[in-house]
């Protein structure tokens, strides 16, 4: 037997054991790692506001607490308003259900020459309501399971809040600790990546919040003019969902006001649908490019694909983290990817804006070309 064989076998056994232990720890700590990832995202989102207060002589811990308290107040107000709207709309729908049923039956009988009876339909609805009540009572009987779920959600929320506070309040010390075990050149790259992540994540949150505020105000005015009930709650629903859920959030948020307006009349629903469509065009082509020009510049298809990929990897937390992570990665890679002058071709006509063509690096400017033709690549700053 060669002398190196026992040592190699022992090394292989230790390697397999180490990978097995690491995988076991990863599986066991998966929930904790997801909570830490969410906390890191929230800390990156809060840090621009905390830094702004800290530059105005606020203690960093107090600034972090103030920003988090403001976020909790806004989140609580959002769910409180939506909860009141939901309860009110459910009660209004229950009151209007018999009249709506009779109207639909009259239209069906007159159109299709049928003879459906309101009595039979109402009895079917009553039986379905009985099944729903039975299911609800069975759920209410499982008080222990519901209480356990609520306690788990409360514990996870407190854990995220605690980690977010410490990651944001002790951000400089945390980064200094990480950089202390890295060589100087790696330190610069890590800090650059961290700075990009803070700028993109904070810019994403604040730009979307500004867009949501404008969207809420515009829809509130229209809903009030059309005399739609729960105008503020519906406008807030449209503003938040259309901004923080890419692509499909617009349709999900706009469907609720249209359905609520149907209880008032078909013309109100039509006018709301027309306004939502026109406002989305105004936002997509005029408002959003100006607000998000320096924060999060991603194509809608890329953004939607990033959200789908994040949801497939981590579920709901992954969908939340996908856009800031994608924007940060896009900006960081843009510092090192070489770009060249695009050749003229019929397939390229009309596919790019003139501004992009003017801003594109050219060979004459020396960007993307080797300096003096010696084969040395351009520096990241030059490529940028």
Protein backbone atom coordinates (compact mmCIF):
# COMPACT_ATOMS: atom_id res chain seq x y z
CA UNK A 1 0.00 0.00 0.00
CA UNK A 2 1.41 3.44 -0.88
CA UNK A 3 2.21 5.66 2.07
CA UNK A 4 -0.04 8.45 0.86
CA UNK A 5 -3.16 6.25 0.50
CA UNK A 6 -4.16 6.03 4.23
CA UNK A 7 -3.63 9.76 4.61
CA UNK A 8 -5.71 10.46 1.48
CA UNK A 9 -8.49 8.16 2.68
CA UNK A 10 -8.51 9.88 6.06
CA UNK A 11 -8.63 13.29 4.38
CA UNK A 12 -11.52 12.20 2.16
CA UNK A 13 -13.41 10.83 5.18
CA UNK A 14 -12.92 14.10 7.08
CA UNK A 15 -14.03 16.10 4.02
CA UNK A 16 -17.22 14.07 3.59
CA UNK A 17 -17.93 14.34 7.33
CA UNK A 18 -17.41 18.11 7.29
CA UNK A 19 -19.74 18.54 4.31
CA UNK A 20 -22.33 16.34 6.00
CA UNK A 21 -22.18 18.33 9.23
CA UNK A 22 -22.35 21.62 7.31
CA UNK A 23 -25.41 20.43 5.35
CA UNK A 24 -27.09 19.23 8.54
CA UNK A 25 -26.47 22.60 10.19
CA UNK A 26 -27.79 24.41 7.11
CA UNK A 27 -31.01 22.39 7.19
CA UNK A 28 -31.46 22.84 10.92
CA UNK A 29 -30.75 26.58 10.84
CA UNK A 30 -32.62 27.33 7.62
CA UNK A 31 -35.39 29.31 9.33
CA UNK A 32 -32.85 31.33 11.33
CA UNK A 33 -30.81 32.08 8.20
CA UNK A 34 -33.94 33.31 6.39
CA UNK A 35 -34.75 35.59 9.34
CA UNK A 36 -31.17 36.92 9.28
CA UNK A 37 -31.41 37.55 5.52
CA UNK A 38 -34.65 39.49 5.96
CA UNK A 39 -33.10 41.46 8.82
CA UNK A 40 -30.08 42.32 6.68
CA UNK A 41 -32.34 43.55 3.89
CA UNK A 42 -34.33 45.73 6.31
CA UNK A 43 -31.12 47.07 7.87
CA UNK A 44 -29.81 48.03 4.42
CA UNK A 45 -33.12 49.72 3.64
CA UNK A 46 -33.13 51.69 6.91
CA UNK A 47 -29.47 52.69 6.88
CA UNK A 48 -29.74 55.72 4.53
CA UNK A 49 -32.34 57.31 6.84
CA UNK A 50 -30.32 56.37 9.93
CA UNK A 51 -27.16 57.84 8.41
CA UNK A 52 -29.05 61.04 7.56
CA UNK A 53 -30.16 61.42 11.19
CA UNK A 54 -26.71 60.44 12.48
CA UNK A 55 -25.09 63.22 10.42
CA UNK A 56 -27.43 65.61 12.25
CA UNK A 57 -25.94 64.57 15.61
CA UNK A 58 -28.47 61.88 16.51
CA UNK A 59 -27.02 58.91 18.40
CA UNK A 60 -27.02 55.95 16.04
CA UNK A 61 -29.11 53.74 18.33
CA UNK A 62 -31.72 56.47 18.83
CA UNK A 63 -31.85 57.16 15.09
CA UNK A 64 -32.37 53.47 14.33
CA UNK A 65 -35.14 53.22 16.93
CA UNK A 66 -36.89 56.32 15.56
CA UNK A 67 -36.81 55.06 11.96
CA UNK A 68 -38.05 51.61 12.97
CA UNK A 69 -40.84 53.12 15.08
CA UNK A 70 -41.97 55.24 12.13
CA UNK A 71 -42.00 52.11 9.95
CA UNK A 72 -44.08 50.19 12.51
CA UNK A 73 -46.57 53.07 12.74
CA UNK A 74 -46.99 53.22 8.96
CA UNK A 75 -47.36 49.44 8.69
CA UNK A 76 -49.91 49.34 11.50
CA UNK A 77 -51.92 52.17 9.96
CA UNK A 78 -51.92 50.40 6.60
CA UNK A 79 -53.31 47.14 7.99
CA UNK A 80 -55.78 48.95 10.23
CA UNK A 81 -57.25 50.89 7.31
CA UNK A 82 -57.38 47.80 5.12
CA UNK A 83 -58.98 45.79 7.92
CA UNK A 84 -61.76 48.32 8.37
CA UNK A 85 -62.33 48.40 4.62
CA UNK A 86 -62.47 44.60 4.44
CA UNK A 87 -65.02 44.31 7.25
CA UNK A 88 -67.16 47.09 5.81
CA UNK A 89 -67.11 45.66 2.31
CA UNK A 90 -67.97 42.16 3.51
CA UNK A 91 -70.97 43.49 5.44
CA UNK A 92 -72.07 45.59 2.45
CA UNK A 93 -71.72 42.59 0.14
CA UNK A 94 -73.81 40.41 2.45
CA UNK A 95 -76.55 43.08 2.50
CA UNK A 96 -76.52 43.44 -1.28
CA UNK A 97 -76.30 39.71 -2.05
CA UNK A 98 -80.08 38.97 -2.23
CA UNK A 99 -80.78 41.94 -4.52
CA UNK A 100 -77.80 41.08 -6.72
CA UNK A 101 -78.96 37.47 -6.93
CA UNK A 102 -82.46 38.44 -8.03
CA UNK A 103 -81.09 40.88 -10.63
CA UNK A 104 -78.75 38.24 -12.09
CA UNK A 105 -81.54 35.66 -12.20
CA UNK A 106 -83.87 38.06 -14.01
CA UNK A 107 -81.18 38.76 -16.60
CA UNK A 108 -80.39 35.05 -17.08
CA UNK A 109 -84.07 34.09 -17.43
CA UNK A 110 -84.73 36.89 -19.92
CA UNK A 111 -81.61 36.23 -21.98
CA UNK A 112 -81.54 32.43 -22.15
CA UNK A 113 -85.30 31.79 -21.80
CA UNK A 114 -84.86 29.84 -18.57
CA UNK A 115 -87.01 29.64 -15.45
CA UNK A 116 -84.62 29.60 -12.54
CA UNK A 117 -86.35 30.33 -9.24
CA UNK A 118 -84.87 32.72 -6.69
CA UNK A 119 -86.19 30.48 -3.91
CA UNK A 120 -84.19 27.46 -5.07
CA UNK A 121 -81.04 29.52 -5.59
CA UNK A 122 -81.34 31.15 -2.19
CA UNK A 123 -81.77 27.72 -0.60
CA UNK A 124 -78.57 26.58 -2.33
CA UNK A 125 -76.80 29.67 -1.07
CA UNK A 126 -78.12 28.99 2.43
CA UNK A 127 -76.81 25.41 2.30
CA UNK A 128 -73.43 26.68 1.10
CA UNK A 129 -73.46 29.22 3.91
CA UNK A 130 -74.16 26.38 6.33
CA UNK A 131 -71.11 24.52 5.07
CA UNK A 132 -69.03 27.65 5.43
CA UNK A 133 -70.25 28.17 8.98
CA UNK A 134 -69.49 24.53 9.81
CA UNK A 135 -65.98 24.90 8.42
CA UNK A 136 -65.50 28.15 10.33
CA UNK A 137 -66.67 26.53 13.57
CA UNK A 138 -64.20 23.66 13.06
CA UNK A 139 -61.44 26.20 12.57
CA UNK A 140 -62.53 28.10 15.64
CA UNK A 141 -62.39 24.86 17.63
CA UNK A 142 -58.70 24.50 16.82
CA UNK A 143 -57.76 27.34 19.14
CA UNK A 144 -54.48 25.74 20.15
CA UNK A 145 -53.20 25.51 16.58
CA UNK A 146 -54.22 29.08 15.78
CA UNK A 147 -52.61 30.34 18.97
CA UNK A 148 -49.38 28.49 18.20
CA UNK A 149 -49.27 30.01 14.72
CA UNK A 150 -49.81 33.50 16.10
CA UNK A 151 -47.08 33.01 18.70
CA UNK A 152 -44.66 31.74 16.04
CA UNK A 153 -45.35 34.75 13.82
CA UNK A 154 -44.93 37.09 16.79
CA UNK A 155 -41.63 35.45 17.76
CA UNK A 156 -40.31 35.65 14.18
CA UNK A 157 -41.34 39.30 13.95
CA UNK A 158 -39.58 40.17 17.21
CA UNK A 159 -36.48 38.25 16.08
CA UNK A 160 -36.37 40.15 12.79
CA UNK A 161 -36.85 43.48 14.59
CA UNK A 162 -34.05 42.70 17.06
CA UNK A 163 -31.55 41.61 14.40
CA UNK A 164 -32.50 44.58 12.20
CA UNK A 165 -31.90 47.00 15.05
CA UNK A 166 -28.46 45.63 15.88
CA UNK A 167 -27.36 45.30 12.24
CA UNK A 168 -28.33 48.91 11.56
CA UNK A 169 -27.33 50.53 14.87
CA UNK A 170 -23.97 48.72 14.99
CA UNK A 171 -23.45 48.73 11.22
CA UNK A 172 -20.02 50.47 11.26
CA UNK A 173 -18.72 48.20 14.02
CA UNK A 174 -20.08 45.10 12.23
CA UNK A 175 -18.39 46.08 8.96
CA UNK A 176 -15.14 46.89 10.79
CA UNK A 177 -15.18 43.43 12.37
CA UNK A 178 -15.63 41.77 8.98
CA UNK A 179 -12.92 43.86 7.32
CA UNK A 180 -10.45 43.13 10.14
CA UNK A 181 -10.04 39.54 8.87
CA UNK A 182 -9.65 40.50 5.20
CA UNK A 183 -6.64 41.83 3.28
CA UNK A 184 -6.73 45.53 2.30
CA UNK A 185 -7.68 45.00 -1.36
CA UNK A 186 -10.53 42.65 -0.41
CA UNK A 187 -11.66 45.16 2.20
CA UNK A 188 -12.10 47.82 -0.49
CA UNK A 189 -14.14 45.46 -2.68
CA UNK A 190 -16.35 44.35 0.23
CA UNK A 191 -17.00 47.92 1.32
CA UNK A 192 -17.78 48.93 -2.26
CA UNK A 193 -20.28 46.08 -2.58
CA UNK A 194 -21.79 47.02 0.79
CA UNK A 195 -22.14 50.65 -0.25
CA UNK A 196 -23.85 49.64 -3.51
CA UNK A 197 -26.24 47.38 -1.59
CA UNK A 198 -27.16 50.21 0.81
CA UNK A 199 -27.72 52.70 -2.01
CA UNK A 200 -29.81 50.34 -4.13
CA UNK A 201 -31.85 48.84 -1.32
CA UNK A 202 -32.58 52.16 0.35
CA UNK A 203 -33.21 53.82 -3.00
CA UNK A 204 -35.63 51.05 -3.95
CA UNK A 205 -37.65 51.43 -0.74
CA UNK A 206 -37.77 55.22 -0.74
CA UNK A 207 -38.46 55.65 -4.44
CA UNK A 208 -41.26 53.08 -4.27
CA UNK A 209 -42.67 54.77 -1.20
CA UNK A 210 -42.74 58.10 -3.05
CA UNK A 211 -44.43 56.50 -6.06
CA UNK A 212 -46.95 54.82 -3.76
CA UNK A 213 -47.73 58.18 -2.12
CA UNK A 214 -48.35 59.86 -5.47
CA UNK A 215 -50.43 56.91 -6.70
CA UNK A 216 -52.50 56.87 -3.50
CA UNK A 217 -53.23 60.60 -3.70
CA UNK A 218 -54.27 60.44 -7.37
CA UNK A 219 -56.58 57.45 -6.91
CA UNK A 220 -58.05 58.94 -3.73
CA UNK A 221 -59.12 62.09 -5.56
CA UNK A 222 -60.76 60.08 -8.34
CA UNK A 223 -62.53 57.73 -5.94
CA UNK A 224 -63.88 60.68 -3.94
CA UNK A 225 -65.13 62.39 -7.10
CA UNK A 226 -66.93 59.18 -8.12
CA UNK A 227 -68.39 58.82 -4.59
CA UNK A 228 -66.93 55.35 -4.01
CA UNK A 229 -67.01 54.17 -0.36
CA UNK A 230 -63.76 53.52 1.50
CA UNK A 231 -61.93 55.77 -0.95
CA UNK A 232 -58.80 56.21 1.17
CA UNK A 233 -58.42 52.51 1.94
CA UNK A 234 -58.89 51.55 -1.70
CA UNK A 235 -56.43 54.21 -2.87
CA UNK A 236 -53.87 53.05 -0.29
CA UNK A 237 -54.36 49.46 -1.44
CA UNK A 238 -53.75 50.39 -5.07
CA UNK A 239 -50.73 52.55 -4.24
CA UNK A 240 -48.91 49.97 -2.12
CA UNK A 241 -49.58 46.88 -4.23
CA UNK A 242 -48.87 48.54 -7.57
CA UNK A 243 -45.45 49.73 -6.39
CA UNK A 244 -44.10 46.94 -4.21
CA UNK A 245 -45.32 43.99 -6.34
CA UNK A 246 -43.88 44.38 -9.85
CA UNK A 247 -46.03 43.90 -12.96
CA UNK A 248 -48.91 41.86 -11.47
CA UNK A 249 -49.35 44.20 -8.49
CA UNK A 250 -50.95 46.79 -10.76
CA UNK A 251 -53.69 44.39 -11.80
CA UNK A 252 -54.22 42.95 -8.31
CA UNK A 253 -54.43 46.42 -6.77
CA UNK A 254 -56.67 47.84 -9.50
CA UNK A 255 -59.13 44.93 -9.45
CA UNK A 256 -60.39 45.67 -5.93
CA UNK A 257 -61.60 49.26 -6.58
CA UNK A 258 -63.31 48.11 -9.78
CA UNK A 259 -65.15 45.33 -7.93
CA UNK A 260 -66.16 47.70 -5.14
CA UNK A 261 -67.39 50.25 -7.70
CA UNK A 262 -69.60 47.56 -9.28
CA UNK A 263 -71.72 47.68 -6.13
CA UNK A 264 -72.42 51.34 -6.89
CA UNK A 265 -73.03 50.93 -10.61
CA UNK A 266 -71.35 49.79 -13.84
CA UNK A 267 -70.39 53.28 -15.03
CA UNK A 268 -68.36 53.99 -11.88
CA UNK A 269 -66.44 50.77 -12.44
CA UNK A 270 -65.78 51.69 -16.07
CA UNK A 271 -64.50 55.16 -15.14
CA UNK A 272 -62.20 53.72 -12.47
CA UNK A 273 -60.85 51.13 -14.90
CA UNK A 274 -60.16 53.86 -17.48
CA UNK A 275 -58.40 56.03 -14.90
CA UNK A 276 -56.25 53.16 -13.61
CA UNK A 277 -55.16 52.35 -17.17
CA UNK A 278 -54.33 55.97 -18.00
CA UNK A 279 -52.50 56.53 -14.73
CA UNK A 280 -50.34 53.47 -15.28
CA UNK A 281 -49.26 54.80 -18.66
CA UNK A 282 -48.45 58.19 -17.11
CA UNK A 283 -46.49 56.53 -14.31
CA UNK A 284 -44.60 54.09 -16.52
CA UNK A 285 -43.50 56.61 -19.15
CA UNK A 286 -43.22 59.92 -17.27
CA UNK A 287 -43.20 59.62 -13.50
CA UNK A 288 -41.33 56.41 -12.72
CA UNK A 289 -38.27 57.00 -15.01
CA UNK A 290 -37.61 60.34 -13.31
CA UNK A 291 -37.98 59.07 -9.75
CA UNK A 292 -36.12 55.77 -10.15
CA UNK A 293 -33.44 57.02 -12.54
CA UNK A 294 -30.75 56.98 -9.82
CA UNK A 295 -32.10 54.26 -7.54
CA UNK A 296 -33.32 51.10 -9.25
CA UNK A 297 -33.13 50.97 -13.05
CA UNK A 298 -34.30 47.51 -14.14
CA UNK A 299 -36.36 46.39 -17.10
CA UNK A 300 -39.90 45.29 -16.04
CA UNK A 301 -39.40 41.83 -17.53
CA UNK A 302 -36.10 41.42 -15.65
CA UNK A 303 -37.73 42.64 -12.44
CA UNK A 304 -40.63 40.21 -12.82
CA UNK A 305 -38.27 37.33 -13.57
CA UNK A 306 -36.16 38.22 -10.53
CA UNK A 307 -39.22 38.12 -8.30
CA UNK A 308 -40.28 34.72 -9.69
CA UNK A 309 -36.77 33.35 -9.16
CA UNK A 310 -36.58 34.74 -5.63
CA UNK A 311 -39.97 33.25 -4.75
CA UNK A 312 -38.89 29.87 -6.13
CA UNK A 313 -35.70 29.91 -4.02
CA UNK A 314 -36.87 31.37 -0.70
CA UNK A 315 -40.61 31.81 -1.04
CA UNK A 316 -42.15 35.11 0.05
CA UNK A 317 -38.88 36.47 1.57
CA UNK A 318 -37.11 35.73 -1.71
CA UNK A 319 -39.71 37.66 -3.67
CA UNK A 320 -39.18 40.61 -1.31
CA UNK A 321 -35.39 40.51 -1.63
CA UNK A 322 -35.19 39.82 -5.36
CA UNK A 323 -35.36 43.37 -6.72
CA UNK A 324 -32.79 45.05 -4.41
CA UNK A 325 -30.42 42.10 -4.73
CA UNK A 326 -30.76 42.09 -8.50
CA UNK A 327 -30.19 45.84 -8.76
CA UNK A 328 -27.14 45.68 -6.48
CA UNK A 329 -25.67 42.80 -8.46
CA UNK A 330 -26.36 44.61 -11.74
CA UNK A 331 -24.59 47.75 -10.55
CA UNK A 332 -21.65 45.86 -9.04
CA UNK A 333 -21.08 43.81 -12.19
CA UNK A 334 -21.40 46.97 -14.27
CA UNK A 335 -18.18 48.22 -12.67
CA UNK A 336 -16.18 45.37 -14.17
CA UNK A 337 -17.91 44.35 -17.40
CA UNK A 338 -16.20 45.80 -20.47
CA UNK A 339 -18.46 47.48 -23.01
CA UNK A 340 -17.79 48.06 -26.71
CA UNK A 341 -19.16 50.26 -29.42
CA UNK A 342 -22.23 48.66 -31.03
CA UNK A 343 -21.99 48.15 -34.78
CA UNK A 344 -24.69 49.48 -37.06
CA UNK A 345 -27.26 46.87 -38.09
CA UNK A 346 -30.91 46.97 -39.26
CA UNK A 347 -31.95 44.83 -36.28
CA UNK A 348 -30.69 47.54 -33.93
CA UNK A 349 -32.61 50.44 -35.51
CA UNK A 350 -35.35 51.72 -33.23
CA UNK A 351 -34.56 49.24 -30.46
CA UNK A 352 -32.58 51.62 -28.27
CA UNK A 353 -33.12 55.15 -27.15
CA UNK A 354 -30.94 57.86 -28.55
CA UNK A 355 -29.88 58.78 -25.01
CA UNK A 356 -28.51 55.27 -24.46
CA UNK A 357 -26.56 55.51 -27.71
CA UNK A 358 -25.09 58.85 -26.68
CA UNK A 359 -24.17 57.57 -23.22
CA UNK A 360 -22.71 54.31 -24.54
CA UNK A 361 -18.92 54.15 -24.29
CA UNK A 362 -17.12 54.50 -27.59
CA UNK A 363 -13.80 53.37 -28.93
CA UNK A 364 -12.76 56.94 -29.67
CA UNK A 365 -13.15 57.86 -26.00
CA UNK A 366 -10.88 55.02 -25.03
CA UNK A 367 -13.51 53.20 -22.95
CA UNK A 368 -13.56 49.46 -23.44
CA UNK A 369 -10.40 49.61 -25.60
CA UNK A 370 -6.95 48.64 -24.55
CA UNK A 371 -4.86 51.64 -23.61
CA UNK A 372 -2.25 52.19 -26.35
CA UNK A 373 -3.05 48.73 -27.67
CA UNK A 374 -0.83 46.96 -25.16
CA UNK A 375 -3.51 44.45 -24.19
CA UNK A 376 -4.09 45.83 -20.69
CA UNK A 377 -7.79 46.04 -19.83
CA UNK A 378 -9.41 49.28 -18.88
CA UNK A 379 -9.87 49.94 -15.18
CA UNK A 380 -13.31 49.54 -13.57
CA UNK A 381 -13.55 53.29 -13.05
CA UNK A 382 -12.90 53.92 -16.78
CA UNK A 383 -15.43 51.31 -17.81
CA UNK A 384 -17.97 52.83 -15.50
